[in-house]
Amino acid sequence: YEAVLKANKAVQGAAKPGVSWVDMHLL
């Protein structure tokens, strides 16, 4: 659970205009 939550929060912290969704998947 915490592994998945860490992935979720990493994307939420990095996603913003100008960012590639592919890069978010890789993150």
PDB file of all heavy atoms in Angstrom:
ATOM      1  N   TYR A   1       0.829  -1.204   0.000  1.00  0.00           N
ATOM      2  CA  TYR A   1       0.000   0.000   0.000  1.00  0.00           C
ATOM      3  C   TYR A   1       0.864   1.254   0.000  1.00  0.00           C
ATOM      4  O   TYR A   1       0.635   2.191  -0.784  1.00  0.00           O
ATOM      5  CB  TYR A   1      -0.948   0.012   1.204  1.00  0.00           C
ATOM      6  CG  TYR A   1      -1.898   1.189   1.146  1.00  0.00           C
ATOM      7  CD1 TYR A   1      -3.083   1.105   0.435  1.00  0.00           C
ATOM      8  CD2 TYR A   1      -1.566   2.402   1.744  1.00  0.00           C
ATOM      9  CE1 TYR A   1      -3.934   2.198   0.329  1.00  0.00           C
ATOM     10  CE2 TYR A   1      -2.413   3.503   1.642  1.00  0.00           C
ATOM     11  CZ  TYR A   1      -3.591   3.390   0.939  1.00  0.00           C
ATOM     12  OH  TYR A   1      -4.415   4.478   0.825  1.00  0.00           O
ATOM     13  N   GLU A   2       1.847   1.292   0.861  1.00  0.00           N
ATOM     14  CA  GLU A   2       2.673   2.508   0.956  1.00  0.00           C
ATOM     15  C   GLU A   2       3.548   2.693  -0.268  1.00  0.00           C
ATOM     16  O   GLU A   2       3.878   3.835  -0.624  1.00  0.00           O
ATOM     17  CB  GLU A   2       3.487   2.475   2.241  1.00  0.00           C
ATOM     18  CG  GLU A   2       2.604   2.655   3.480  1.00  0.00           C
ATOM     19  CD  GLU A   2       3.376   2.850   4.766  1.00  0.00           C
ATOM     20  OE1 GLU A   2       4.540   2.380   4.838  1.00  0.00           O
ATOM     21  OE2 GLU A   2       2.819   3.468   5.700  1.00  0.00           O
ATOM     22  N   ALA A   3       3.908   1.608  -0.948  1.00  0.00           N
ATOM     23  CA  ALA A   3       4.644   1.735  -2.206  1.00  0.00           C
ATOM     24  C   ALA A   3       3.786   2.429  -3.258  1.00  0.00           C
ATOM     25  O   ALA A   3       4.246   3.330  -3.971  1.00  0.00           O
ATOM     26  CB  ALA A   3       5.078   0.353  -2.700  1.00  0.00           C
ATOM     27  N   VAL A   4       2.523   2.032  -3.344  1.00  0.00           N
ATOM     28  CA  VAL A   4       1.615   2.647  -4.328  1.00  0.00           C
ATOM     29  C   VAL A   4       1.297   4.085  -3.932  1.00  0.00           C
ATOM     30  O   VAL A   4       1.246   4.979  -4.791  1.00  0.00           O
ATOM     31  CB  VAL A   4       0.331   1.802  -4.459  1.00  0.00           C
ATOM     32  CG1 VAL A   4      -0.663   2.476  -5.414  1.00  0.00           C
ATOM     33  CG2 VAL A   4       0.656   0.403  -4.961  1.00  0.00           C
ATOM     34  N   LEU A   5       1.079   4.311  -2.651  1.00  0.00           N
ATOM     35  CA  LEU A   5       0.792   5.678  -2.205  1.00  0.00           C
ATOM     36  C   LEU A   5       1.969   6.601  -2.499  1.00  0.00           C
ATOM     37  O   LEU A   5       1.776   7.757  -2.908  1.00  0.00           O
ATOM     38  CB  LEU A   5       0.481   5.688  -0.710  1.00  0.00           C
ATOM     39  CG  LEU A   5       0.097   7.046  -0.115  1.00  0.00           C
ATOM     40  CD1 LEU A   5      -1.180   7.586  -0.759  1.00  0.00           C
ATOM     41  CD2 LEU A   5      -0.062   6.950   1.399  1.00  0.00           C
ATOM     42  N   LYS A   6       3.179   6.109  -2.316  1.00  0.00           N
ATOM     43  CA  LYS A   6       4.364   6.923  -2.613  1.00  0.00           C
ATOM     44  C   LYS A   6       4.394   7.298  -4.097  1.00  0.00           C
ATOM     45  O   LYS A   6       4.732   8.438  -4.460  1.00  0.00           O
ATOM     46  CB  LYS A   6       5.627   6.156  -2.226  1.00  0.00           C
ATOM     47  CG  LYS A   6       6.910   6.973  -2.301  1.00  0.00           C
ATOM     48  CD  LYS A   6       8.100   6.189  -1.755  1.00  0.00           C
ATOM     49  CE  LYS A   6       8.010   6.023  -0.256  1.00  0.00           C
ATOM     50  NZ  LYS A   6       9.237   5.392   0.315  1.00  0.00           N
ATOM     51  N   ALA A   7       4.018   6.354  -4.969  1.00  0.00           N
ATOM     52  CA  ALA A   7       3.973   6.649  -6.407  1.00  0.00           C
ATOM     53  C   ALA A   7       2.906   7.687  -6.709  1.00  0.00           C
ATOM     54  O   ALA A   7       3.124   8.622  -7.500  1.00  0.00           O
ATOM     55  CB  ALA A   7       3.707   5.359  -7.183  1.00  0.00           C
ATOM     56  N   ASN A   8       1.740   7.549  -6.076  1.00  0.00           N
ATOM     57  CA  ASN A   8       0.653   8.510  -6.278  1.00  0.00           C
ATOM     58  C   ASN A   8       1.093   9.909  -5.864  1.00  0.00           C
ATOM     59  O   ASN A   8       0.896  10.891  -6.604  1.00  0.00           O
ATOM     60  CB  ASN A   8      -0.569   8.055  -5.478  1.00  0.00           C
ATOM     61  CG  ASN A   8      -1.751   8.999  -5.578  1.00  0.00           C
ATOM     62  OD1 ASN A   8      -1.714  10.111  -5.056  1.00  0.00           O
ATOM     63  ND2 ASN A   8      -2.817   8.560  -6.222  1.00  0.00           N
ATOM     64  N   LYS A   9       1.677  10.025  -4.702  1.00  0.00           N
ATOM     65  CA  LYS A   9       2.066  11.339  -4.183  1.00  0.00           C
ATOM     66  C   LYS A   9       3.222  11.938  -4.980  1.00  0.00           C
ATOM     67  O   LYS A   9       3.309  13.174  -5.130  1.00  0.00           O
ATOM     68  CB  LYS A   9       2.426  11.242  -2.705  1.00  0.00           C
ATOM     69  CG  LYS A   9       1.244  10.864  -1.810  1.00  0.00           C
ATOM     70  CD  LYS A   9       0.068  11.818  -1.987  1.00  0.00           C
ATOM     71  CE  LYS A   9      -1.111  11.457  -1.104  1.00  0.00           C
ATOM     72  NZ  LYS A   9      -2.305  12.314  -1.376  1.00  0.00           N
ATOM     73  N   ALA A  10       4.103  11.095  -5.506  1.00  0.00           N
ATOM     74  CA  ALA A  10       5.203  11.607  -6.337  1.00  0.00           C
ATOM     75  C   ALA A  10       4.642  12.290  -7.578  1.00  0.00           C
ATOM     76  O   ALA A  10       5.099  13.379  -7.971  1.00  0.00           O
ATOM     77  CB  ALA A  10       6.136  10.466  -6.731  1.00  0.00           C
ATOM     78  N   VAL A  11       3.643  11.681  -8.203  1.00  0.00           N
ATOM     79  CA  VAL A  11       3.036  12.272  -9.398  1.00  0.00           C
ATOM     80  C   VAL A  11       2.274  13.533  -9.029  1.00  0.00           C
ATOM     81  O   VAL A  11       2.361  14.558  -9.724  1.00  0.00           O
ATOM     82  CB  VAL A  11       2.126  11.248 -10.099  1.00  0.00           C
ATOM     83  CG1 VAL A  11       1.373  11.907 -11.251  1.00  0.00           C
ATOM     84  CG2 VAL A  11       2.942  10.073 -10.605  1.00  0.00           C
ATOM     85  N   GLN A  12       1.507  13.484  -7.946  1.00  0.00           N
ATOM     86  CA  GLN A  12       0.757  14.676  -7.553  1.00  0.00           C
ATOM     87  C   GLN A  12       1.693  15.851  -7.272  1.00  0.00           C
ATOM     88  O   GLN A  12       1.342  17.013  -7.519  1.00  0.00           O
ATOM     89  CB  GLN A  12      -0.107  14.383  -6.324  1.00  0.00           C
ATOM     90  CG  GLN A  12      -1.275  13.469  -6.607  1.00  0.00           C
ATOM     91  CD  GLN A  12      -2.485  13.744  -5.733  1.00  0.00           C
ATOM     92  OE1 GLN A  12      -2.734  14.878  -5.345  1.00  0.00           O
ATOM     93  NE2 GLN A  12      -3.243  12.709  -5.431  1.00  0.00           N
ATOM     94  N   GLY A  13       2.881  15.560  -6.764  1.00  0.00           N
ATOM     95  CA  GLY A  13       3.829  16.633  -6.485  1.00  0.00           C
ATOM     96  C   GLY A  13       4.522  17.181  -7.717  1.00  0.00           C
ATOM     97  O   GLY A  13       5.018  18.313  -7.696  1.00  0.00           O
ATOM     98  N   ALA A  14       4.564  16.388  -8.789  1.00  0.00           N
ATOM     99  CA  ALA A  14       5.317  16.790  -9.980  1.00  0.00           C
ATOM    100  C   ALA A  14       4.439  17.243 -11.134  1.00  0.00           C
ATOM    101  O   ALA A  14       4.892  17.965 -12.026  1.00  0.00           O
ATOM    102  CB  ALA A  14       6.200  15.632 -10.449  1.00  0.00           C
ATOM    103  N   ALA A  15       3.173  16.818 -11.166  1.00  0.00           N
ATOM    104  CA  ALA A  15       2.302  17.118 -12.298  1.00  0.00           C
ATOM    105  C   ALA A  15       1.917  18.590 -12.313  1.00  0.00           C
ATOM    106  O   ALA A  15       1.481  19.146 -11.307  1.00  0.00           O
ATOM    107  CB  ALA A  15       1.042  16.257 -12.236  1.00  0.00           C
ATOM    108  N   LYS A  16       2.089  19.220 -13.450  1.00  0.00           N
ATOM    109  CA  LYS A  16       1.728  20.627 -13.634  1.00  0.00           C
ATOM    110  C   LYS A  16       1.787  20.937 -15.125  1.00  0.00           C
ATOM    111  O   LYS A  16       2.292  20.127 -15.921  1.00  0.00           O
ATOM    112  CB  LYS A  16       2.684  21.542 -12.865  1.00  0.00           C
ATOM    113  CG  LYS A  16       4.143  21.418 -13.278  1.00  0.00           C
ATOM    114  CD  LYS A  16       5.033  22.309 -12.421  1.00  0.00           C
ATOM    115  CE  LYS A  16       6.503  22.161 -12.823  1.00  0.00           C
ATOM    116  NZ  LYS A  16       7.377  23.015 -11.983  1.00  0.00           N
ATOM    117  N   PRO A  17       1.277  22.087 -15.551  1.00  0.00           N
ATOM    118  CA  PRO A  17       1.345  22.435 -16.966  1.00  0.00           C
ATOM    119  C   PRO A  17       2.782  22.395 -17.493  1.00  0.00           C
ATOM    120  O   PRO A  17       3.725  22.841 -16.824  1.00  0.00           O
ATOM    121  CB  PRO A  17       0.777  23.857 -16.998  1.00  0.00           C
ATOM    122  CG  PRO A  17      -0.161  23.909 -15.835  1.00  0.00           C
ATOM    123  CD  PRO A  17       0.512  23.089 -14.767  1.00  0.00           C
ATOM    124  N   GLY A  18       2.939  21.829 -18.693  1.00  0.00           N
ATOM    125  CA  GLY A  18       4.244  21.729 -19.316  1.00  0.00           C
ATOM    126  C   GLY A  18       4.947  20.411 -19.084  1.00  0.00           C
ATOM    127  O   GLY A  18       5.985  20.139 -19.696  1.00  0.00           O
ATOM    128  N   VAL A  19       4.405  19.570 -18.209  1.00  0.00           N
ATOM    129  CA  VAL A  19       5.011  18.287 -17.889  1.00  0.00           C
ATOM    130  C   VAL A  19       4.406  17.202 -18.770  1.00  0.00           C
ATOM    131  O   VAL A  19       3.207  17.184 -19.025  1.00  0.00           O
ATOM    132  CB  VAL A  19       4.801  17.960 -16.392  1.00  0.00           C
ATOM    133  CG1 VAL A  19       5.199  16.521 -16.087  1.00  0.00           C
ATOM    134  CG2 VAL A  19       5.588  18.922 -15.519  1.00  0.00           C
ATOM    135  N   SER A  20       5.231  16.274 -19.229  1.00  0.00           N
ATOM    136  CA  SER A  20       4.769  15.175 -20.067  1.00  0.00           C
ATOM    137  C   SER A  20       4.082  14.109 -19.213  1.00  0.00           C
ATOM    138  O   SER A  20       4.620  13.684 -18.186  1.00  0.00           O
ATOM    139  CB  SER A  20       5.951  14.546 -20.805  1.00  0.00           C
ATOM    140  OG  SER A  20       5.614  13.266 -21.318  1.00  0.00           O
ATOM    141  N   TRP A  21       2.916  13.671 -19.655  1.00  0.00           N
ATOM    142  CA  TRP A  21       2.224  12.593 -18.952  1.00  0.00           C
ATOM    143  C   TRP A  21       3.017  11.290 -19.015  1.00  0.00           C
ATOM    144  O   TRP A  21       2.992  10.481 -18.080  1.00  0.00           O
ATOM    145  CB  TRP A  21       0.839  12.404 -19.549  1.00  0.00           C
ATOM    146  CG  TRP A  21      -0.056  11.484 -18.770  1.00  0.00           C
ATOM    147  CD1 TRP A  21      -0.595  10.318 -19.194  1.00  0.00           C
ATOM    148  CD2 TRP A  21      -0.546  11.666 -17.429  1.00  0.00           C
ATOM    149  NE1 TRP A  21      -1.384   9.754 -18.213  1.00  0.00           N
ATOM    150  CE2 TRP A  21      -1.365  10.576 -17.114  1.00  0.00           C
ATOM    151  CE3 TRP A  21      -0.357  12.659 -16.462  1.00  0.00           C
ATOM    152  CZ2 TRP A  21      -1.999  10.432 -15.880  1.00  0.00           C
ATOM    153  CZ3 TRP A  21      -0.996  12.538 -15.230  1.00  0.00           C
ATOM    154  CH2 TRP A  21      -1.799  11.423 -14.948  1.00  0.00           C
ATOM    155  N   VAL A  22       3.750  11.086 -20.102  1.00  0.00           N
ATOM    156  CA  VAL A  22       4.627   9.918 -20.196  1.00  0.00           C
ATOM    157  C   VAL A  22       5.665   9.960 -19.081  1.00  0.00           C
ATOM    158  O   VAL A  22       5.939   8.947 -18.415  1.00  0.00           O
ATOM    159  CB  VAL A  22       5.310   9.847 -21.575  1.00  0.00           C
ATOM    160  CG1 VAL A  22       6.345   8.729 -21.619  1.00  0.00           C
ATOM    161  CG2 VAL A  22       4.271   9.646 -22.677  1.00  0.00           C
ATOM    162  N   ASP A  23       6.242  11.124 -18.845  1.00  0.00           N
ATOM    163  CA  ASP A  23       7.240  11.258 -17.769  1.00  0.00           C
ATOM    164  C   ASP A  23       6.605  10.994 -16.409  1.00  0.00           C
ATOM    165  O   ASP A  23       7.253  10.456 -15.505  1.00  0.00           O
ATOM    166  CB  ASP A  23       7.867  12.646 -17.798  1.00  0.00           C
ATOM    167  CG  ASP A  23       8.809  12.849 -18.973  1.00  0.00           C
ATOM    168  OD1 ASP A  23       9.197  11.833 -19.601  1.00  0.00           O
ATOM    169  OD2 ASP A  23       9.153  14.015 -19.273  1.00  0.00           O
ATOM    170  N   MET A  24       5.346  11.373 -16.252  1.00  0.00           N
ATOM    171  CA  MET A  24       4.659  11.104 -14.982  1.00  0.00           C
ATOM    172  C   MET A  24       4.460   9.596 -14.782  1.00  0.00           C
ATOM    173  O   MET A  24       4.606   9.087 -13.667  1.00  0.00           O
ATOM    174  CB  MET A  24       3.318  11.834 -14.941  1.00  0.00           C
ATOM    175  CG  MET A  24       3.433  13.357 -14.883  1.00  0.00           C
ATOM    176  SD  MET A  24       4.263  13.970 -13.369  1.00  0.00           S
ATOM    177  CE  MET A  24       5.983  14.074 -13.944  1.00  0.00           C
ATOM    178  N   HIS A  25       4.141   8.904 -15.849  1.00  0.00           N
ATOM    179  CA  HIS A  25       4.006   7.449 -15.758  1.00  0.00           C
ATOM    180  C   HIS A  25       5.343   6.822 -15.364  1.00  0.00           C
ATOM    181  O   HIS A  25       5.394   5.924 -14.505  1.00  0.00           O
ATOM    182  CB  HIS A  25       3.530   6.887 -17.095  1.00  0.00           C
ATOM    183  CG  HIS A  25       3.410   5.391 -17.118  1.00  0.00           C
ATOM    184  ND1 HIS A  25       2.259   4.734 -16.761  1.00  0.00           N
ATOM    185  CD2 HIS A  25       4.318   4.425 -17.426  1.00  0.00           C
ATOM    186  CE1 HIS A  25       2.456   3.424 -16.862  1.00  0.00           C
ATOM    187  NE2 HIS A  25       3.700   3.216 -17.271  1.00  0.00           N
ATOM    188  N   LEU A  26       6.404   7.288 -15.984  1.00  0.00           N
ATOM    189  CA  LEU A  26       7.730   6.745 -15.673  1.00  0.00           C
ATOM    190  C   LEU A  26       8.140   7.063 -14.240  1.00  0.00           C
ATOM    191  O   LEU A  26       8.746   6.230 -13.560  1.00  0.00           O
ATOM    192  CB  LEU A  26       8.755   7.296 -16.662  1.00  0.00           C
ATOM    193  CG  LEU A  26       8.578   6.834 -18.118  1.00  0.00           C
ATOM    194  CD1 LEU A  26       9.523   7.597 -19.037  1.00  0.00           C
ATOM    195  CD2 LEU A  26       8.813   5.331 -18.236  1.00  0.00           C
ATOM    196  N   LEU A  27       7.802   8.265 -13.772  1.00  0.00           N
ATOM    197  CA  LEU A  27       8.084   8.628 -12.379  1.00  0.00           C
ATOM    198  C   LEU A  27       7.337   7.696 -11.433  1.00  0.00           C
ATOM    199  O   LEU A  27       7.899   7.212 -10.432  1.00  0.00           O
ATOM    200  CB  LEU A  27       7.671  10.069 -12.129  1.00  0.00           C
ATOM    201  CG  LEU A  27       7.690  10.545 -10.669  1.00  0.00           C
ATOM    202  CD1 LEU A  27       9.105  10.496 -10.098  1.00  0.00           C
ATOM    203  CD2 LEU A  27       7.098  11.949 -10.553  1.00  0.00           C
TER     204      LEU A  27
END
